[in-house]
N, C-alpha and C. Protein backbone atom coordinates (compact mmCIF):
# COMPACT_ATOMS: atom_id res chain seq x y z
N UNK A 1 -20.14 -2.75 -1.24
CA UNK A 1 -18.70 -2.85 -1.42
C UNK A 1 -18.37 -4.12 -2.19
N UNK A 2 -17.42 -4.02 -3.05
CA UNK A 2 -16.92 -5.12 -3.86
C UNK A 2 -15.93 -5.90 -2.99
N UNK A 3 -16.28 -7.11 -2.56
CA UNK A 3 -15.43 -7.86 -1.65
C UNK A 3 -14.39 -8.68 -2.40
N UNK A 4 -13.19 -8.66 -1.86
CA UNK A 4 -12.07 -9.42 -2.42
C UNK A 4 -11.50 -10.33 -1.34
N UNK A 5 -10.76 -11.32 -1.76
CA UNK A 5 -10.01 -12.17 -0.84
C UNK A 5 -8.63 -11.57 -0.68
N UNK A 6 -8.20 -11.41 0.57
CA UNK A 6 -6.88 -10.82 0.84
C UNK A 6 -6.02 -11.86 1.54
N UNK A 7 -4.81 -12.02 1.03
CA UNK A 7 -3.88 -12.99 1.61
C UNK A 7 -2.45 -12.51 1.36
N UNK A 8 -1.52 -13.15 2.02
CA UNK A 8 -0.11 -12.83 1.85
C UNK A 8 0.36 -13.25 0.46
N UNK A 9 1.28 -12.49 -0.10
CA UNK A 9 1.86 -12.78 -1.42
C UNK A 9 3.29 -13.27 -1.24
N UNK A 10 3.63 -14.24 -2.04
CA UNK A 10 5.01 -14.71 -2.11
C UNK A 10 5.54 -14.47 -3.52
N UNK A 11 6.68 -15.06 -3.78
CA UNK A 11 7.35 -14.86 -5.06
C UNK A 11 6.49 -15.31 -6.24
N UNK A 12 5.57 -16.25 -6.00
CA UNK A 12 4.71 -16.73 -7.08
C UNK A 12 3.81 -15.64 -7.65
N UNK A 13 3.62 -14.55 -6.91
CA UNK A 13 2.77 -13.44 -7.35
C UNK A 13 3.55 -12.33 -8.05
N UNK A 14 4.85 -12.53 -8.24
CA UNK A 14 5.70 -11.47 -8.80
C UNK A 14 5.19 -10.92 -10.13
N UNK A 15 4.87 -11.79 -11.07
CA UNK A 15 4.42 -11.32 -12.39
C UNK A 15 3.15 -10.48 -12.28
N UNK A 16 2.19 -10.94 -11.48
CA UNK A 16 0.94 -10.20 -11.32
C UNK A 16 1.16 -8.86 -10.62
N UNK A 17 1.99 -8.85 -9.59
CA UNK A 17 2.28 -7.61 -8.87
C UNK A 17 2.96 -6.62 -9.79
N UNK A 18 3.95 -7.10 -10.54
CA UNK A 18 4.67 -6.20 -11.45
C UNK A 18 3.74 -5.65 -12.52
N UNK A 19 2.81 -6.46 -13.02
CA UNK A 19 1.86 -5.99 -14.04
C UNK A 19 0.99 -4.87 -13.48
N UNK A 20 0.48 -5.03 -12.27
CA UNK A 20 -0.36 -3.99 -11.66
C UNK A 20 0.48 -2.75 -11.38
N UNK A 21 1.67 -2.94 -10.84
CA UNK A 21 2.57 -1.81 -10.55
C UNK A 21 2.85 -1.01 -11.82
N UNK A 22 3.04 -1.70 -12.93
CA UNK A 22 3.35 -1.03 -14.19
C UNK A 22 2.15 -0.27 -14.75
N UNK A 23 0.94 -0.75 -14.49
CA UNK A 23 -0.27 -0.07 -14.95
C UNK A 23 -0.58 1.16 -14.12
N UNK A 24 -0.28 1.10 -12.83
CA UNK A 24 -0.72 2.13 -11.90
C UNK A 24 0.29 3.25 -11.71
N UNK A 25 1.56 2.93 -11.78
CA UNK A 25 2.59 3.87 -11.36
C UNK A 25 3.30 4.47 -12.57
N UNK A 26 3.35 5.81 -12.69
CA UNK A 26 4.06 6.43 -13.81
C UNK A 26 5.57 6.13 -13.80
N UNK A 27 6.11 5.82 -12.62
CA UNK A 27 7.51 5.39 -12.51
C UNK A 27 7.52 4.12 -11.65
N UNK A 28 7.16 2.98 -12.27
CA UNK A 28 7.00 1.74 -11.49
C UNK A 28 8.27 1.29 -10.81
N UNK A 29 8.06 0.56 -9.71
CA UNK A 29 9.19 -0.05 -9.04
C UNK A 29 9.88 -1.00 -10.00
N UNK A 30 11.15 -1.14 -9.85
CA UNK A 30 11.93 -2.04 -10.69
C UNK A 30 11.59 -3.48 -10.28
N UNK A 31 11.42 -4.33 -11.29
CA UNK A 31 11.03 -5.72 -11.03
C UNK A 31 11.97 -6.41 -10.04
N UNK A 32 13.25 -6.15 -10.15
CA UNK A 32 14.22 -6.77 -9.25
C UNK A 32 13.98 -6.36 -7.79
N UNK A 33 13.51 -5.13 -7.57
CA UNK A 33 13.20 -4.69 -6.19
C UNK A 33 12.04 -5.50 -5.64
N UNK A 34 11.00 -5.66 -6.46
CA UNK A 34 9.85 -6.45 -6.03
C UNK A 34 10.26 -7.89 -5.75
N UNK A 35 11.07 -8.45 -6.63
CA UNK A 35 11.52 -9.82 -6.45
C UNK A 35 12.31 -9.98 -5.15
N UNK A 36 13.20 -9.03 -4.89
CA UNK A 36 13.98 -9.07 -3.65
C UNK A 36 13.06 -9.03 -2.43
N UNK A 37 12.11 -8.08 -2.44
CA UNK A 37 11.19 -7.95 -1.31
C UNK A 37 10.37 -9.23 -1.10
N UNK A 38 9.87 -9.80 -2.19
CA UNK A 38 9.04 -11.00 -2.07
C UNK A 38 9.83 -12.21 -1.62
N UNK A 39 11.14 -12.22 -1.85
CA UNK A 39 11.99 -13.32 -1.42
C UNK A 39 12.45 -13.18 0.03
N UNK A 40 12.33 -11.96 0.58
CA UNK A 40 12.77 -11.75 1.96
C UNK A 40 11.83 -12.47 2.92
N UNK A 41 12.39 -13.09 3.92
CA UNK A 41 11.59 -13.72 4.96
C UNK A 41 12.17 -13.29 6.30
N UNK A 42 12.15 -11.97 6.52
CA UNK A 42 12.80 -11.44 7.72
C UNK A 42 11.81 -10.99 8.79
N UNK A 43 10.50 -11.14 8.53
CA UNK A 43 9.51 -10.74 9.51
C UNK A 43 9.35 -9.24 9.64
N UNK A 44 10.02 -8.46 8.79
CA UNK A 44 9.96 -7.01 8.88
C UNK A 44 9.10 -6.38 7.79
N UNK A 45 8.74 -7.14 6.76
CA UNK A 45 7.93 -6.60 5.69
C UNK A 45 7.01 -7.68 5.16
N UNK A 46 5.96 -7.25 4.47
CA UNK A 46 5.07 -8.22 3.83
C UNK A 46 4.30 -7.57 2.69
N UNK A 47 3.85 -8.41 1.79
CA UNK A 47 2.99 -8.01 0.68
C UNK A 47 1.67 -8.73 0.83
N UNK A 48 0.59 -8.00 0.64
CA UNK A 48 -0.73 -8.59 0.63
C UNK A 48 -1.33 -8.42 -0.75
N UNK A 49 -2.07 -9.43 -1.19
CA UNK A 49 -2.74 -9.35 -2.48
C UNK A 49 -4.24 -9.39 -2.30
N UNK A 50 -4.94 -8.63 -3.13
CA UNK A 50 -6.40 -8.66 -3.17
C UNK A 50 -6.78 -9.44 -4.43
N UNK A 51 -7.52 -10.51 -4.25
CA UNK A 51 -7.89 -11.35 -5.38
C UNK A 51 -9.41 -11.39 -5.56
N UNK A 52 -9.80 -11.38 -6.82
CA UNK A 52 -11.19 -11.56 -7.18
C UNK A 52 -11.23 -12.68 -8.20
N UNK A 53 -11.95 -13.74 -7.85
CA UNK A 53 -11.99 -14.94 -8.71
C UNK A 53 -10.59 -15.42 -9.06
N UNK A 54 -9.74 -15.44 -8.06
CA UNK A 54 -8.35 -15.93 -8.14
C UNK A 54 -7.40 -15.03 -8.92
N UNK A 55 -7.89 -13.91 -9.45
CA UNK A 55 -7.03 -12.97 -10.16
C UNK A 55 -6.61 -11.84 -9.24
N UNK A 56 -5.33 -11.50 -9.27
CA UNK A 56 -4.84 -10.39 -8.46
C UNK A 56 -5.37 -9.08 -9.03
N UNK A 57 -6.08 -8.31 -8.19
CA UNK A 57 -6.65 -7.04 -8.64
C UNK A 57 -6.02 -5.86 -7.90
N UNK A 58 -5.19 -6.15 -6.92
CA UNK A 58 -4.50 -5.10 -6.19
C UNK A 58 -3.51 -5.71 -5.21
N UNK A 59 -2.60 -4.87 -4.73
CA UNK A 59 -1.66 -5.35 -3.72
C UNK A 59 -1.24 -4.19 -2.83
N UNK A 60 -0.77 -4.54 -1.67
CA UNK A 60 -0.24 -3.57 -0.73
C UNK A 60 1.03 -4.13 -0.13
N UNK A 61 1.94 -3.25 0.21
CA UNK A 61 3.21 -3.66 0.81
C UNK A 61 3.50 -2.78 2.01
N UNK A 62 4.01 -3.41 3.05
CA UNK A 62 4.35 -2.64 4.26
C UNK A 62 5.59 -3.23 4.92
N UNK A 63 6.15 -2.43 5.83
CA UNK A 63 7.30 -2.91 6.61
C UNK A 63 7.30 -2.22 7.96
N UNK A 64 7.95 -2.86 8.89
CA UNK A 64 8.18 -2.23 10.20
C UNK A 64 9.27 -1.20 10.01
N UNK A 65 9.05 -0.04 10.57
CA UNK A 65 10.06 1.01 10.52
C UNK A 65 10.12 1.60 11.92
N UNK A 66 11.06 1.08 12.70
CA UNK A 66 11.16 1.43 14.11
C UNK A 66 9.86 1.06 14.80
N UNK A 67 9.14 2.05 15.34
CA UNK A 67 7.92 1.74 16.08
C UNK A 67 6.66 2.05 15.29
N UNK A 68 6.80 2.13 13.97
CA UNK A 68 5.61 2.42 13.16
C UNK A 68 5.56 1.51 11.94
N UNK A 69 4.38 1.43 11.37
CA UNK A 69 4.16 0.70 10.14
C UNK A 69 4.38 1.66 8.99
N UNK A 70 5.22 1.30 8.04
CA UNK A 70 5.39 2.12 6.85
C UNK A 70 4.72 1.41 5.70
N UNK A 71 3.72 2.04 5.11
CA UNK A 71 3.03 1.48 3.95
C UNK A 71 3.80 1.90 2.72
N UNK A 72 4.46 0.93 2.11
CA UNK A 72 5.38 1.20 1.00
C UNK A 72 4.64 1.37 -0.32
N UNK A 73 3.54 0.65 -0.48
CA UNK A 73 2.86 0.67 -1.77
C UNK A 73 1.43 0.18 -1.60
N UNK A 74 0.53 0.75 -2.37
CA UNK A 74 -0.86 0.32 -2.43
C UNK A 74 -1.30 0.58 -3.86
N UNK A 75 -1.54 -0.48 -4.61
CA UNK A 75 -1.84 -0.35 -6.04
C UNK A 75 -3.02 -1.23 -6.41
N UNK A 76 -3.93 -0.66 -7.19
CA UNK A 76 -5.13 -1.36 -7.62
C UNK A 76 -5.18 -1.36 -9.15
N UNK A 77 -5.54 -2.48 -9.73
CA UNK A 77 -5.71 -2.56 -11.18
C UNK A 77 -6.77 -1.54 -11.60
N UNK A 78 -6.54 -0.81 -12.70
CA UNK A 78 -7.48 0.25 -13.10
C UNK A 78 -8.95 -0.19 -13.22
N UNK A 79 -9.21 -1.44 -13.62
CA UNK A 79 -10.60 -1.91 -13.76
C UNK A 79 -11.30 -2.13 -12.42
N UNK A 80 -10.54 -2.13 -11.33
CA UNK A 80 -11.12 -2.42 -10.01
C UNK A 80 -11.05 -1.23 -9.06
N UNK A 81 -10.67 -0.07 -9.57
CA UNK A 81 -10.61 1.12 -8.73
C UNK A 81 -12.01 1.63 -8.41
N UNK A 82 -12.10 2.34 -7.28
CA UNK A 82 -13.36 2.94 -6.82
C UNK A 82 -14.41 1.89 -6.49
N UNK A 83 -13.95 0.72 -6.06
CA UNK A 83 -14.86 -0.35 -5.65
C UNK A 83 -14.60 -0.79 -4.22
N UNK A 84 -13.71 -0.10 -3.52
CA UNK A 84 -13.42 -0.44 -2.13
C UNK A 84 -12.25 -1.39 -1.94
N UNK A 85 -11.58 -1.76 -3.02
CA UNK A 85 -10.44 -2.69 -2.91
C UNK A 85 -9.30 -2.05 -2.12
N UNK A 86 -8.99 -0.79 -2.41
CA UNK A 86 -7.90 -0.10 -1.70
C UNK A 86 -8.23 0.00 -0.21
N UNK A 87 -9.48 0.28 0.13
CA UNK A 87 -9.88 0.36 1.54
C UNK A 87 -9.67 -0.97 2.25
N UNK A 88 -10.04 -2.05 1.59
CA UNK A 88 -9.87 -3.37 2.19
C UNK A 88 -8.40 -3.70 2.40
N UNK A 89 -7.57 -3.38 1.42
CA UNK A 89 -6.13 -3.62 1.56
C UNK A 89 -5.52 -2.74 2.65
N UNK A 90 -5.93 -1.48 2.69
CA UNK A 90 -5.40 -0.56 3.70
C UNK A 90 -5.72 -1.06 5.10
N UNK A 91 -6.96 -1.51 5.31
CA UNK A 91 -7.34 -2.06 6.62
C UNK A 91 -6.54 -3.31 6.95
N UNK A 92 -6.30 -4.16 5.97
CA UNK A 92 -5.52 -5.38 6.20
C UNK A 92 -4.07 -5.05 6.54
N UNK A 93 -3.48 -4.08 5.84
CA UNK A 93 -2.11 -3.65 6.17
C UNK A 93 -2.05 -3.09 7.59
N UNK A 94 -3.04 -2.29 7.94
CA UNK A 94 -3.08 -1.71 9.29
C UNK A 94 -3.22 -2.80 10.34
N UNK A 95 -3.97 -3.84 10.02
CA UNK A 95 -4.13 -4.95 10.97
C UNK A 95 -2.79 -5.64 11.22
N UNK A 96 -1.97 -5.73 10.19
CA UNK A 96 -0.62 -6.29 10.37
C UNK A 96 0.16 -5.42 11.34
N UNK A 97 0.08 -4.11 11.16
CA UNK A 97 0.75 -3.20 12.09
C UNK A 97 0.27 -3.39 13.52
N UNK A 98 -1.02 -3.58 13.69
CA UNK A 98 -1.58 -3.82 15.03
C UNK A 98 -1.05 -5.14 15.59
N UNK A 99 -0.99 -6.17 14.74
CA UNK A 99 -0.45 -7.47 15.16
C UNK A 99 1.01 -7.34 15.59
N UNK A 100 1.75 -6.47 14.90
CA UNK A 100 3.15 -6.23 15.26
C UNK A 100 3.26 -5.28 16.45
N UNK A 101 2.13 -4.90 17.03
CA UNK A 101 2.06 -4.01 18.20
C UNK A 101 2.62 -2.62 17.91
N UNK A 102 2.40 -2.15 16.68
CA UNK A 102 2.81 -0.80 16.30
C UNK A 102 1.64 0.15 16.55
N UNK A 103 1.94 1.40 16.83
CA UNK A 103 0.90 2.35 17.22
C UNK A 103 0.53 3.36 16.13
N UNK A 104 1.32 3.41 15.05
CA UNK A 104 1.00 4.36 13.99
C UNK A 104 1.42 3.81 12.64
N UNK A 105 0.84 4.39 11.61
CA UNK A 105 1.18 4.04 10.23
C UNK A 105 1.56 5.31 9.49
N UNK A 106 2.53 5.19 8.60
CA UNK A 106 3.01 6.32 7.80
C UNK A 106 3.09 5.87 6.35
N UNK A 107 2.91 6.82 5.44
CA UNK A 107 3.04 6.53 4.02
C UNK A 107 3.41 7.80 3.28
N UNK A 108 3.88 7.64 2.07
CA UNK A 108 4.13 8.75 1.15
C UNK A 108 3.11 8.64 0.04
N UNK A 109 2.58 9.78 -0.39
CA UNK A 109 1.60 9.80 -1.47
C UNK A 109 1.97 10.94 -2.42
N UNK A 110 1.80 10.69 -3.70
CA UNK A 110 2.12 11.73 -4.69
C UNK A 110 1.32 12.99 -4.42
N UNK A 111 1.98 14.12 -4.56
CA UNK A 111 1.34 15.41 -4.39
C UNK A 111 0.14 15.55 -5.35
N UNK A 112 0.24 14.96 -6.53
CA UNK A 112 -0.82 15.08 -7.54
C UNK A 112 -1.94 14.06 -7.37
N UNK A 113 -1.81 13.11 -6.45
CA UNK A 113 -2.79 12.04 -6.32
C UNK A 113 -3.84 12.39 -5.27
N UNK A 114 -4.73 13.29 -5.65
CA UNK A 114 -5.78 13.73 -4.75
C UNK A 114 -6.73 12.63 -4.33
N UNK A 115 -7.00 11.67 -5.23
CA UNK A 115 -7.90 10.57 -4.87
C UNK A 115 -7.31 9.73 -3.74
N UNK A 116 -6.04 9.39 -3.84
CA UNK A 116 -5.40 8.61 -2.78
C UNK A 116 -5.34 9.40 -1.47
N UNK A 117 -5.04 10.68 -1.56
CA UNK A 117 -5.01 11.51 -0.35
C UNK A 117 -6.37 11.51 0.33
N UNK A 118 -7.44 11.60 -0.46
CA UNK A 118 -8.79 11.59 0.11
C UNK A 118 -9.09 10.24 0.78
N UNK A 119 -8.68 9.16 0.15
CA UNK A 119 -8.85 7.83 0.74
C UNK A 119 -8.17 7.78 2.11
N UNK A 120 -6.91 8.20 2.16
CA UNK A 120 -6.15 8.12 3.40
C UNK A 120 -6.74 9.03 4.48
N UNK A 121 -7.16 10.22 4.09
CA UNK A 121 -7.79 11.13 5.06
C UNK A 121 -9.04 10.50 5.66
N UNK A 122 -9.78 9.79 4.84
CA UNK A 122 -10.99 9.12 5.32
C UNK A 122 -10.72 8.11 6.42
N UNK A 123 -9.51 7.57 6.44
CA UNK A 123 -9.12 6.61 7.47
C UNK A 123 -8.33 7.26 8.61
N UNK A 124 -8.30 8.58 8.63
CA UNK A 124 -7.66 9.27 9.73
C UNK A 124 -6.23 9.71 9.50
N UNK A 125 -5.70 9.50 8.30
CA UNK A 125 -4.34 9.98 8.01
C UNK A 125 -4.35 11.49 7.87
N UNK A 126 -3.26 12.11 8.26
CA UNK A 126 -3.09 13.55 8.09
C UNK A 126 -1.69 13.83 7.55
N UNK A 127 -1.57 14.92 6.83
CA UNK A 127 -0.27 15.31 6.27
C UNK A 127 0.60 15.86 7.38
N UNK A 128 1.81 15.32 7.49
CA UNK A 128 2.76 15.78 8.52
C UNK A 128 4.06 16.29 7.91
N UNK A 129 4.16 16.21 6.59
CA UNK A 129 5.39 16.69 5.96
C UNK A 129 5.33 16.52 4.46
N UNK A 130 6.42 16.91 3.86
CA UNK A 130 6.55 16.84 2.40
C UNK A 130 7.99 16.46 2.10
N UNK A 131 8.17 15.59 1.13
CA UNK A 131 9.50 15.20 0.70
C UNK A 131 9.68 15.65 -0.74
N UNK A 132 10.62 16.55 -0.93
CA UNK A 132 10.89 17.08 -2.27
C UNK A 132 11.49 15.99 -3.16
N UNK A 133 11.02 15.94 -4.39
CA UNK A 133 11.54 15.02 -5.42
C UNK A 133 11.63 13.58 -4.91
N UNK A 134 10.62 13.12 -4.19
CA UNK A 134 10.61 11.77 -3.62
C UNK A 134 10.55 10.70 -4.71
N UNK A 135 9.78 10.98 -5.75
CA UNK A 135 9.58 9.99 -6.80
C UNK A 135 10.63 10.13 -7.89
N UNK A 136 10.85 9.04 -8.63
CA UNK A 136 11.88 9.02 -9.67
C UNK A 136 11.68 10.10 -10.72
N UNK A 137 10.43 10.49 -10.95
CA UNK A 137 10.17 11.51 -11.96
C UNK A 137 10.28 12.93 -11.40
N UNK A 138 10.69 13.05 -10.13
CA UNK A 138 10.90 14.35 -9.51
C UNK A 138 9.73 14.92 -8.75
N UNK A 139 8.58 14.22 -8.79
CA UNK A 139 7.41 14.72 -8.06
C UNK A 139 7.60 14.61 -6.56
N UNK A 140 7.07 15.60 -5.83
CA UNK A 140 7.11 15.59 -4.37
C UNK A 140 6.09 14.60 -3.81
N UNK A 141 6.32 14.19 -2.57
CA UNK A 141 5.33 13.38 -1.85
C UNK A 141 4.89 14.13 -0.61
N UNK A 142 3.66 13.84 -0.21
CA UNK A 142 3.20 14.23 1.11
C UNK A 142 3.41 13.04 2.02
N UNK A 143 3.93 13.28 3.20
CA UNK A 143 4.06 12.25 4.22
C UNK A 143 2.80 12.33 5.06
N UNK A 144 2.11 11.18 5.17
CA UNK A 144 0.87 11.14 5.93
C UNK A 144 1.01 10.10 7.03
N UNK A 145 0.36 10.34 8.16
CA UNK A 145 0.41 9.42 9.28
C UNK A 145 -0.95 9.30 9.93
N UNK A 146 -1.16 8.15 10.59
CA UNK A 146 -2.40 7.90 11.33
C UNK A 146 -2.10 6.97 12.49
N UNK A 147 -2.91 7.06 13.51
CA UNK A 147 -2.81 6.15 14.64
C UNK A 147 -3.40 4.81 14.26
N UNK A 148 -2.87 3.74 14.85
CA UNK A 148 -3.43 2.41 14.70
C UNK A 148 -4.17 2.03 15.97
N UNK A 149 -5.27 1.30 15.87
CA UNK A 149 -5.89 0.81 14.64
C UNK A 149 -6.54 1.96 13.87
N UNK A 150 -6.71 1.75 12.57
CA UNK A 150 -7.32 2.78 11.74
C UNK A 150 -8.81 2.95 12.08
N UNK A 151 -9.30 4.13 11.85
CA UNK A 151 -10.70 4.44 12.06
C UNK A 151 -11.42 4.28 10.72
N UNK A 152 -12.53 3.57 10.72
CA UNK A 152 -13.30 3.39 9.49
C UNK A 152 -13.93 4.72 9.08
N UNK A 153 -13.95 4.98 7.77
CA UNK A 153 -14.58 6.22 7.30
C UNK A 153 -16.08 6.21 7.61
N UNK A 154 -16.62 7.41 7.79
CA UNK A 154 -18.06 7.51 8.06
C UNK A 154 -18.84 7.54 6.80
């Protein structure tokens, strides 16, 4: 496995996060949304960054949503995909949920993103619903959920 350093991100990581978001997402989050989230200090959400040699190679974002962890985003720079970076970030996000004493995690994933769905299934996520036209481009999402703590893939 390709090991990365994972730590909390603040506003200083905005440019790097936005660059990765723009590379990975066909309809990227608006920069102002990311800036707002990174400036919030409400204890309800956080961003984690995966760094390799001090360069941001991926990030994940989550928030408390009632009694569950909602994983808002998980994005990896294209040059670092399929190296275990997403798995490391997913486990770190889940650990935050466990620290917050939450019992489950939920996320939305593009219907067309079979690779991400396979990753999440490997950690015990299952499809529990579908949201029509969830994404800005009109694509549907699958709603997936898993119990915390996450189970490592075999």
